[in-house]
Structure formats: structure tokens, C-alpha cells
Amino acid sequence: MEVVAQGTNGQQAVDLYNEHKPDVMLIDLRMPVLSGVEAISAIRKASPGARIIVLTTFDGDEDIYRSLQAGAQGYLLKDVFFEDLESAIRKVHAGSKQIPERVAVRLAERMTGSDLTGRELEVLQQIVAGKSNKEIGAHLNISEATVKSHINNILSKLGVSDRTQAATTALQRGIVHLS
């Protein structure tokens, strides 16, 4: 195996992929300019046969789901043993998917949860930012009663009992990220 290029942000990842067309690309999720998911989507749009493995420290179920939806064929955590990384690269190169058991368990947990609507995600992001219901309503141009309704739906869908738990769960699962 040979490393043909290395970048420091998502746009470089796309540009370097297009320049070198590697057999298998390793990519992180949290990068400046373009996120890993955005870079994967751009690469797969231009090169549908691209083979990409996410190699990251983030094991939130939403991160995993979004990466695979964007077109990644593998998802590994950075604490992976070298032999397992090498094996995953070979398997993905051969056309297989590579998802370790603990990552698959997180993905399965995500698949059983209810999806939040776009508006619920906006409200949840504002909760994570520490905004009150009144501030959320003003920011999103909706009434405070509507905000409360969205929050009740969020709590139910996430299986939590209060705003603090919702924010913690959203961050742990990768549903929202701190700016």
C-alpha cells in the first residue's frame, strides 16, 4: 500500500481525490471548509465508484448514518489496530463494506429511533446553544407555543425527559455539533 496524498480540510480531500484517484480513500468527519460527509458526497457525485473509508474518533450514530448515506463503504474508529485497518482497506478495495461490530451496534440503535423533522433539528440546535423557548421562537419566527410543541416531540423521539438530556443526547449521537 502507498499513501498518494494527504490533505487538511474537506475541500482538499475532494481536490486530492480528483487529482490522484486513489483505490481507497481514508477520510475524517470533522474538517474545516467541508465536513467529511460533504466531501464524501462531492467525491461520490463526481466518481460514483469511489471507495471511501471514514477513519474518525466520532462514533455517534447519526455521524455513522450520515457517512454511510453519503457513500462511505467503511467506518472505522481511530483506535483501530493497524492489522484491522489494513484488512478494512483491502476489503473495501475488493468491493465489500467494512463496519466493525461496535459501529454496527450504534448504527442499529440509530435505525430504531424516530427521525427528527428539519424544524425539530433547528429547535434542537438552538437548545444546544442554550437558548430559551422565547429566544428560539424569535430566532425561528415561530410562537413560543410552537417551540414547546417541537420540544415535546424532540423529547419523545430522543427518549429523554428534559432539555438538558436532549442536548446531551444530541451531542453524543452526533445529531448536532457545537459550532
Foldseek 3Di string as FASTA:
>chain_A
DDDDDDDQALVVQLVVCVVPVDLEEEAEADGPPDGPLRSLLSNCVVPVLYAYAYEEQALALVSLVSNVVSPHLYYHYNVDDPVVVVVQSVQSSVPHGYYDPVSVVNPVVVVPFDDQDPVLLLLLQVLLVVDDLCRSCVVVVHDSVVSVVSVVVLCVRLVHDDSVVSNVSCPNNVVDHDD
